[in-house]
Protein backbone atom coordinates (compact mmCIF):
# COMPACT_ATOMS: atom_id res chain seq x y z
CA MET A 1 -0.04 -0.15 0.08
CA TYR A 2 1.39 3.43 -0.72
CA MET A 3 1.36 6.35 1.47
CA ALA A 4 -0.35 9.72 0.38
CA LYS A 5 0.45 12.97 1.60
CA VAL A 6 -1.56 15.96 2.23
CA THR A 7 -0.43 19.46 2.30
CA PHE A 8 -1.96 22.77 3.00
CA ARG A 9 -0.85 26.26 1.87
CA ASP A 10 -1.97 27.70 5.18
CA ASP A 11 -1.41 31.24 4.47
CA LEU A 12 -3.97 31.22 1.63
CA CYS A 13 -6.63 28.80 3.60
CA LYS A 14 -9.86 30.87 4.24
CA GLY A 15 -10.99 28.06 7.01
CA CYS A 16 -14.25 27.29 4.82
CA GLY A 17 -14.36 23.63 6.11
CA LEU A 18 -15.21 22.17 2.55
CA CYS A 19 -12.20 19.94 2.89
CA VAL A 20 -12.88 18.67 6.17
CA TYR A 21 -16.50 17.61 5.02
CA ALA A 22 -15.31 16.19 1.62
CA CYS A 23 -12.86 13.82 3.57
CA PRO A 24 -14.12 10.02 3.93
CA LYS A 25 -11.29 9.19 6.39
CA LYS A 26 -12.28 12.53 8.75
CA ILE A 27 -8.66 13.23 9.23
CA LEU A 28 -9.22 16.87 8.39
CA GLU A 29 -10.09 19.49 10.81
CA LEU A 30 -9.75 23.42 11.20
CA ASP A 31 -6.83 24.23 13.55
CA LYS A 32 -8.62 26.21 16.04
CA SER A 33 -5.48 26.86 18.19
CA ARG A 34 -3.79 29.09 15.82
CA LEU A 35 -4.78 31.77 12.96
CA ASN A 36 -3.30 32.53 9.63
CA ASP A 37 -1.96 35.96 8.63
CA LYS A 38 -5.25 36.57 7.16
CA GLY A 39 -7.17 35.79 10.22
CA TYR A 40 -8.79 32.35 9.59
CA HIS A 41 -8.12 28.98 11.29
CA PRO A 42 -6.23 26.69 8.50
CA ALA A 43 -7.24 23.29 7.99
CA VAL A 44 -4.91 20.54 8.87
CA CYS A 45 -4.37 16.58 8.54
CA THR A 46 -4.92 15.36 12.06
CA ASN A 47 -3.84 11.75 11.14
CA PRO A 48 -1.68 11.93 8.14
CA ASP A 49 -0.96 8.11 8.30
CA SER A 50 -4.43 7.52 7.22
CA CYS A 51 -4.78 9.49 4.39
CA ILE A 52 -5.83 7.36 1.17
CA GLY A 53 -5.09 10.01 -1.14
CA CYS A 54 -8.45 10.12 -2.74
CA THR A 55 -8.01 14.01 -3.41
CA PHE A 56 -11.63 14.72 -2.47
CA CYS A 57 -10.40 17.49 -0.10
CA ALA A 58 -8.30 18.82 -2.89
CA VAL A 59 -11.01 19.25 -5.39
CA GLN A 60 -13.39 20.92 -3.06
CA CYS A 61 -11.00 23.70 -1.85
CA PRO A 62 -12.17 26.83 -3.76
CA ASP A 63 -9.04 28.14 -3.34
CA SER A 64 -6.63 25.67 -4.59
CA VAL A 65 -4.60 25.41 -1.29
CA ILE A 66 -4.42 21.69 -0.84
CA THR A 67 -1.64 19.42 -2.75
CA VAL A 68 -2.04 15.59 -2.33
CA GLU A 69 0.71 13.15 -3.43
CA ARG A 70 0.36 9.68 -3.82
C-alpha cells in the first residue's frame, strides 16, 4: 500500500471547512489553536498516516490550497 501526503498552503486557507466535510476518512479539521496571516483557522491533517490519497479535499477547495501526493 502506498502512502499519501496531503499539504496545505496555510497562508491562503480561508478556513471554509469544505475539505473537512469532503474527507471520507475524517482526518481533516480546522486548527482552532491558531490563525493564519489572514485571520482564519487553517485546515490541518490530524492523522496523515490514514490518508488514502483520494483528493476529495483538494477538489472541494475553492482556493486550491491543498496538494495531495501519492
